[in-house]
Amino acid sequence: MARKLLVAGDYFVTPGLVSAALADRVGEAVAVTELTLPWPHEPLRDVAEVSEASGDEERLVDALAGVEIAITQVAPFTSRVFAAAESLRLVVVCRGGPVNVNLAAAQQHGVQVRNTPGRNAVAAAEHTVALLLAALRRVPELHADLRAGHWDGSRYALTEVGEELAGNTVGLVGYGEIGRRVARVLRAFDAQVLVSDPYLDTATLEGAETVSLPELLARSRVVSLHARLTEQTRHLIGAAELAAMPRGAVLVNTARGGLLDYPAVVAALASGQLGAAALDVFDVEPLPPDAPILTAPRVVLTPHLAGGTRQTAQRAAALSAEVVAEYLRR
């Protein structure tokens, strides 16, 4: 008899995408019900005690009636949901961290929680390099000039032109899957790569040099953040750390907004201590229209989209289906 499974998808990792992956991987072993959550057409939000969620508890509880397995990216699996979902035994969260799941409540109710680390590593690494190069070569400013009808020859002045990646030193703060992919690309550009990560597996360095964070900041022309956000890493880079970087250095953040003190970044850009900043994540999201970073000089900004590719969504669906297949084999 087929096991009941709920796919609580959204408009990125769609229910259809996950259902197709399940059909390919486990066939008729599961009976699938689909639920579509409003993200990204509506922003992620806190729901009860969980964060970065979409949808509401009531609708999820109704959809989970009799369900043994659930796959989601952003549904709010709160203590209330687990208490009501008596048949639930497995929740697969197809993202790197299950922040939308109350893990203590899941354990209390005997529900396994699995996630899919690495699903967006390729996309996030590529986006990091794209932002880094755009900041180094001042692409947004040049683009804006031409769009405004200005062919500004003075941009060729020595004080105005950008820098090459080749021969420069890039420091990576955090060296997980994304950081390692970024490092491989940087080395192909003939950049020197420094790494600071207290959990570093030195076998993965592949030509990078491991250093302390203070040394990394002092030596790097570009600093790119790839650490997880914890209580220990919140505001890891603030005014003191920015002041320790070479004047005119470039800062890139595609990891988590909480890693940075954003008022300090704005001040460092205004003073010229930072030559540029390339940012995909922010301390408040969505970014308010009056956020000072929006009017800061020499910034490249994208709206938390580093992991957003079609392949990421496809990979999330495939990895989730594989977790379900593994569960069913037991």
Protein backbone atom coordinates (compact mmCIF):
# COMPACT_ATOMS: atom_id res chain seq x y z
CA MET A 1 0.00 0.00 0.00
CA ALA A 2 1.34 3.43 -0.96
CA ARG A 3 2.55 5.68 1.87
CA LYS A 4 0.94 9.10 2.06
CA LEU A 5 3.29 11.97 1.22
CA LEU A 6 2.70 15.71 1.14
CA VAL A 7 4.72 17.97 -1.15
CA ALA A 8 4.39 21.49 0.30
CA GLY A 9 6.09 23.30 -2.56
CA ASP A 10 6.25 26.91 -3.64
CA TYR A 11 6.87 28.87 -6.84
CA PHE A 12 10.60 28.04 -6.91
CA VAL A 13 10.79 24.41 -5.81
CA THR A 14 7.39 23.68 -7.28
CA PRO A 15 5.18 20.75 -6.26
CA GLY A 16 5.30 19.47 -9.83
CA LEU A 17 9.08 19.43 -9.84
CA VAL A 18 9.22 17.42 -6.61
CA SER A 19 6.43 15.07 -7.65
CA ALA A 20 8.24 14.32 -10.91
CA ALA A 21 11.44 13.54 -9.00
CA LEU A 22 9.51 11.24 -6.66
CA ALA A 23 7.88 9.43 -9.57
CA ASP A 24 11.30 8.85 -11.09
CA ARG A 25 12.90 7.73 -7.82
CA VAL A 26 10.21 5.83 -5.88
CA GLY A 27 7.42 5.30 -8.39
CA GLU A 28 4.11 4.25 -6.88
CA ALA A 29 5.52 3.62 -3.40
CA VAL A 30 4.04 6.95 -2.28
CA ALA A 31 0.66 8.58 -2.77
CA VAL A 32 1.41 12.27 -3.30
CA THR A 33 -0.71 15.25 -2.30
CA GLU A 34 0.46 18.70 -3.38
CA LEU A 35 0.23 22.05 -1.62
CA THR A 36 1.52 25.31 -3.09
CA LEU A 37 2.84 28.00 -0.73
CA PRO A 38 2.98 31.67 -1.80
CA TRP A 39 6.76 32.25 -1.67
CA PRO A 40 8.46 34.04 -3.45
CA HIS A 41 5.41 36.06 -4.48
CA GLU A 42 5.02 36.80 -0.76
CA PRO A 43 8.13 37.34 1.41
CA LEU A 44 9.31 34.74 3.89
CA ARG A 45 8.38 35.55 7.49
CA ASP A 46 8.45 34.26 11.04
CA VAL A 47 5.57 31.90 11.81
CA ALA A 48 5.14 31.22 15.53
CA GLU A 49 8.59 30.05 16.72
CA VAL A 50 10.17 29.27 13.30
CA SER A 51 11.72 31.64 10.78
CA GLU A 52 11.99 32.06 6.99
CA ALA A 53 8.65 30.35 6.44
CA SER A 54 5.75 30.69 4.03
CA GLY A 55 2.10 29.83 4.45
CA ASP A 56 0.20 29.27 7.68
CA GLU A 57 -0.08 26.56 10.29
CA GLU A 58 -3.79 25.88 9.78
CA ARG A 59 -3.50 25.06 6.11
CA LEU A 60 -0.46 22.87 6.72
CA VAL A 61 -2.16 20.96 9.53
CA ASP A 62 -5.15 20.23 7.29
CA ALA A 63 -2.90 19.03 4.46
CA LEU A 64 -0.95 16.70 6.81
CA ALA A 65 -3.94 14.62 7.89
CA GLY A 66 -2.86 10.98 7.60
CA VAL A 67 0.48 11.93 5.99
CA GLU A 68 3.62 9.96 6.92
CA ILE A 69 6.21 11.92 4.86
CA ALA A 70 6.38 15.62 4.01
CA ILE A 71 8.71 17.46 1.64
CA THR A 72 8.98 21.22 1.77
CA GLN A 73 11.32 24.13 1.38
CA VAL A 74 9.61 26.78 3.49
CA ALA A 75 6.43 25.43 5.14
CA PRO A 76 6.16 26.35 8.86
CA PHE A 77 6.69 23.12 10.81
CA THR A 78 6.00 24.51 14.26
CA SER A 79 5.32 22.76 17.56
CA ARG A 80 1.61 23.19 16.88
CA VAL A 81 1.93 21.48 13.49
CA PHE A 82 3.88 18.53 14.89
CA ALA A 83 1.37 18.10 17.72
CA ALA A 84 -1.48 17.90 15.20
CA ALA A 85 0.25 15.69 12.59
CA GLU A 86 -0.08 12.35 14.36
CA SER A 87 0.91 10.20 11.35
CA LEU A 88 3.98 12.23 10.38
CA ARG A 89 7.34 10.42 10.63
CA LEU A 90 9.66 12.23 8.21
CA VAL A 91 10.06 15.86 7.11
CA VAL A 92 12.46 16.56 4.25
CA VAL A 93 13.48 20.22 4.03
CA CYS A 94 14.95 20.84 0.59
CA ARG A 95 17.29 23.64 1.63
CA GLY A 96 20.63 23.91 3.40
CA GLY A 97 19.31 24.64 6.89
CA PRO A 98 15.87 23.69 8.31
CA VAL A 99 15.23 27.06 9.99
CA ASN A 100 11.51 26.73 9.23
CA VAL A 101 11.29 23.60 11.40
CA ASN A 102 11.08 23.36 15.19
CA LEU A 103 13.64 20.59 15.60
CA ALA A 104 12.96 20.09 19.30
CA ALA A 105 9.25 19.59 18.63
CA ALA A 106 10.04 17.17 15.81
CA GLN A 107 12.18 15.07 18.14
CA GLN A 108 9.54 15.21 20.85
CA HIS A 109 6.96 13.79 18.43
CA GLY A 110 9.26 11.16 16.93
CA VAL A 111 9.66 12.84 13.53
CA GLN A 112 12.92 12.67 11.59
CA VAL A 113 14.05 15.89 9.90
CA ARG A 114 16.41 15.77 6.94
CA ASN A 115 17.72 18.60 4.80
CA THR A 116 19.57 18.87 1.48
CA PRO A 117 22.92 20.60 2.00
CA GLY A 118 24.76 21.65 -1.13
CA ARG A 119 21.69 22.00 -3.33
CA ASN A 120 22.54 25.62 -4.20
CA ALA A 121 26.33 25.48 -3.85
CA VAL A 122 27.00 25.79 -7.59
CA ALA A 123 24.61 28.70 -8.01
CA ALA A 124 25.83 30.58 -4.94
CA ALA A 125 29.48 30.14 -5.89
CA GLU A 126 28.87 31.39 -9.43
CA HIS A 127 26.88 34.36 -8.15
CA THR A 128 29.64 35.21 -5.70
CA VAL A 129 32.21 35.37 -8.49
CA ALA A 130 29.85 37.39 -10.68
CA LEU A 131 29.36 39.99 -7.92
CA LEU A 132 33.06 40.03 -7.10
CA LEU A 133 34.05 40.74 -10.71
CA ALA A 134 31.31 43.35 -11.11
CA ALA A 135 32.57 45.18 -8.03
CA LEU A 136 36.25 44.95 -9.00
CA ARG A 137 35.61 46.27 -12.51
CA ARG A 138 32.88 48.75 -11.47
CA VAL A 139 30.41 47.24 -13.92
CA PRO A 140 27.22 48.76 -12.39
CA GLU A 141 28.63 52.30 -12.58
CA LEU A 142 29.72 51.88 -16.20
CA HIS A 143 26.38 50.34 -17.11
CA ALA A 144 24.53 53.23 -15.46
CA ASP A 145 26.65 55.76 -17.38
CA LEU A 146 25.72 54.26 -20.73
CA ARG A 147 22.06 53.85 -19.81
CA ALA A 148 22.03 57.55 -18.93
CA GLY A 149 23.50 58.43 -22.33
CA HIS A 150 27.02 59.20 -21.10
CA TRP A 151 30.18 57.83 -22.73
CA ASP A 152 32.49 58.99 -19.98
CA GLY A 153 36.08 58.83 -21.20
CA SER A 154 37.32 60.01 -17.82
CA ARG A 155 36.50 56.55 -16.48
CA TYR A 156 39.81 55.52 -18.06
CA ALA A 157 41.74 57.67 -15.57
CA LEU A 158 44.05 55.71 -13.27
CA THR A 159 42.00 56.76 -10.24
CA GLU A 160 38.76 55.52 -11.87
CA VAL A 161 39.57 52.18 -13.48
CA GLY A 162 38.97 48.90 -11.67
CA GLU A 163 41.33 46.10 -10.73
CA GLU A 164 42.14 42.66 -12.09
CA LEU A 165 41.45 39.51 -10.13
CA ALA A 166 44.65 37.87 -11.36
CA GLY A 167 47.48 38.43 -8.94
CA ASN A 168 45.22 39.78 -6.20
CA THR A 169 44.65 38.10 -2.84
CA VAL A 170 41.11 36.99 -2.00
CA GLY A 171 40.18 35.94 1.53
CA LEU A 172 37.32 33.48 2.07
CA VAL A 173 35.72 33.57 5.50
CA GLY A 174 34.18 30.10 5.75
CA TYR A 175 35.17 27.15 3.58
CA GLY A 176 32.23 24.85 3.12
CA GLU A 177 31.00 23.57 -0.23
CA ILE A 178 30.33 27.08 -1.57
CA GLY A 179 33.64 28.47 -0.38
CA ARG A 180 35.55 25.57 -1.93
CA ARG A 181 33.84 26.10 -5.28
CA VAL A 182 34.61 29.81 -5.19
CA ALA A 183 38.24 29.03 -4.39
CA ARG A 184 38.57 26.76 -7.43
CA VAL A 185 37.24 29.49 -9.73
CA LEU A 186 39.48 32.12 -8.16
CA ARG A 187 42.56 30.00 -8.67
CA ALA A 188 41.62 29.65 -12.35
CA PHE A 189 41.82 33.46 -12.48
CA ASP A 190 45.32 33.26 -10.95
CA ALA A 191 44.22 34.84 -7.67
CA GLN A 192 45.88 33.91 -4.37
CA VAL A 193 43.30 32.42 -1.99
CA LEU A 194 43.39 32.71 1.80
CA VAL A 195 40.93 30.82 4.01
CA SER A 196 39.77 31.36 7.59
CA ASP A 197 37.47 28.68 9.01
CA PRO A 198 37.68 27.18 12.54
CA TYR A 199 36.06 23.96 11.25
CA LEU A 200 38.38 23.63 8.28
CA ASP A 201 39.21 20.22 6.82
CA THR A 202 42.73 20.91 5.54
CA ALA A 203 42.40 18.11 3.01
CA THR A 204 40.03 20.35 1.03
CA LEU A 205 42.39 23.33 0.73
CA GLU A 206 43.56 22.47 -2.82
CA GLY A 207 46.15 25.23 -3.00
CA ALA A 208 44.51 27.76 -0.68
CA GLU A 209 46.37 29.01 2.40
CA THR A 210 44.73 28.79 5.82
CA VAL A 211 45.22 31.80 8.11
CA SER A 212 43.58 33.47 11.11
CA LEU A 213 40.78 35.95 10.48
CA PRO A 214 42.93 38.98 11.45
CA GLU A 215 45.65 37.89 9.03
CA LEU A 216 43.11 37.25 6.29
CA LEU A 217 41.64 40.73 6.70
CA ALA A 218 45.05 42.38 6.69
CA ARG A 219 46.28 40.62 3.54
CA SER A 220 43.18 40.38 1.33
CA ARG A 221 42.29 42.82 -1.41
CA VAL A 222 38.91 41.09 -1.60
CA VAL A 223 37.09 39.46 1.33
CA SER A 224 34.15 37.13 0.61
CA LEU A 225 31.91 35.74 3.38
CA HIS A 226 30.78 32.10 3.34
CA ALA A 227 30.28 31.34 7.04
CA ARG A 228 27.09 30.10 8.67
CA LEU A 229 25.24 32.57 10.88
CA THR A 230 25.44 31.61 14.55
CA GLU A 231 25.55 33.55 17.78
CA GLN A 232 29.34 33.41 17.47
CA THR A 233 29.44 34.74 13.90
CA ARG A 234 26.77 37.45 14.16
CA HIS A 235 28.37 40.77 13.15
CA LEU A 236 31.60 38.88 12.53
CA ILE A 237 32.65 41.78 10.31
CA GLY A 238 32.13 45.18 11.93
CA ALA A 239 33.86 48.54 12.07
CA ALA A 240 37.09 47.19 13.58
CA GLU A 241 37.39 44.40 11.01
CA LEU A 242 36.67 46.76 8.10
CA ALA A 243 39.33 49.15 9.40
CA ALA A 244 41.82 46.25 9.46
CA MET A 245 41.39 45.62 5.72
CA PRO A 246 43.64 47.37 3.17
CA ARG A 247 42.19 50.73 2.17
CA GLY A 248 40.08 50.36 -0.95
CA ALA A 249 39.47 46.63 -0.48
CA VAL A 250 36.29 44.95 -1.74
CA LEU A 251 33.80 43.10 0.48
CA VAL A 252 31.42 40.41 -0.82
CA ASN A 253 28.57 38.77 1.11
CA THR A 254 26.38 36.07 -0.40
CA ALA A 255 26.05 34.12 2.86
CA ARG A 256 23.89 35.72 5.58
CA GLY A 257 23.12 39.36 6.31
CA GLY A 258 23.70 38.90 10.03
CA LEU A 259 27.41 38.30 9.45
CA LEU A 260 27.87 42.02 8.70
CA ASP A 261 27.39 45.23 10.62
CA TYR A 262 25.69 47.12 7.77
CA PRO A 263 25.93 50.64 9.25
CA ALA A 264 29.68 50.03 9.54
CA VAL A 265 29.78 48.92 5.88
CA VAL A 266 27.97 52.09 4.78
CA ALA A 267 30.41 54.23 6.78
CA ALA A 268 33.43 52.40 5.34
CA LEU A 269 32.14 52.93 1.80
CA ALA A 270 31.53 56.62 2.47
CA SER A 271 35.06 57.10 3.85
CA GLY A 272 36.73 55.14 1.05
CA GLN A 273 38.07 52.51 3.46
CA LEU A 274 36.02 50.04 1.42
CA GLY A 275 36.57 50.45 -2.29
CA ALA A 276 33.36 48.57 -3.08
CA ALA A 277 30.86 46.12 -1.63
CA ALA A 278 28.94 43.40 -3.44
CA LEU A 279 26.00 42.16 -1.39
CA ASP A 280 23.22 39.63 -1.94
CA VAL A 281 22.02 39.40 1.68
CA PHE A 282 21.06 42.03 4.23
CA ASP A 283 20.38 42.49 7.94
CA VAL A 284 16.73 43.27 7.18
CA GLU A 285 14.94 41.53 4.31
CA PRO A 286 13.15 42.61 2.21
CA LEU A 287 15.47 45.62 2.11
CA PRO A 288 13.52 48.76 3.17
CA PRO A 289 13.31 51.51 0.49
CA ASP A 290 15.14 53.93 2.80
CA ALA A 291 17.98 51.51 3.69
CA PRO A 292 21.26 53.50 3.68
CA ILE A 293 23.06 50.78 1.71
CA LEU A 294 20.87 51.60 -1.30
CA THR A 295 22.42 55.04 -1.65
CA ALA A 296 25.96 54.11 -0.58
CA PRO A 297 28.67 54.60 -3.21
CA ARG A 298 30.27 51.75 -5.17
CA VAL A 299 27.86 48.97 -4.28
CA VAL A 300 26.58 46.01 -6.28
CA LEU A 301 23.30 44.71 -4.83
CA THR A 302 21.10 41.71 -5.61
CA PRO A 303 17.97 40.61 -3.67
CA HIS A 304 19.09 37.38 -1.91
CA LEU A 305 19.10 35.51 -5.19
CA ALA A 306 22.55 33.88 -5.20
CA GLY A 307 21.07 30.40 -4.95
CA GLY A 308 18.27 31.05 -7.41
CA THR A 309 18.80 28.98 -10.55
CA ARG A 310 16.66 26.40 -12.31
CA GLN A 311 19.30 23.80 -11.58
CA THR A 312 19.12 24.57 -7.84
CA ALA A 313 15.38 23.86 -7.82
CA GLN A 314 15.86 20.68 -9.82
CA ARG A 315 18.66 19.55 -7.52
CA ALA A 316 16.55 20.24 -4.42
CA ALA A 317 13.75 18.09 -5.81
CA ALA A 318 16.11 15.25 -6.75
CA LEU A 319 17.91 15.28 -3.39
CA SER A 320 14.59 15.26 -1.53
CA ALA A 321 13.35 12.30 -3.56
CA GLU A 322 16.57 10.42 -2.77
CA VAL A 323 16.05 11.02 0.97
CA VAL A 324 12.54 9.57 0.65
CA ALA A 325 13.86 6.56 -1.27
CA GLU A 326 16.42 5.93 1.45
CA TYR A 327 13.71 6.19 4.14
CA LEU A 328 11.46 3.71 2.31
CA ARG A 329 14.28 1.16 1.98
CA ARG A 330 14.55 0.79 5.75
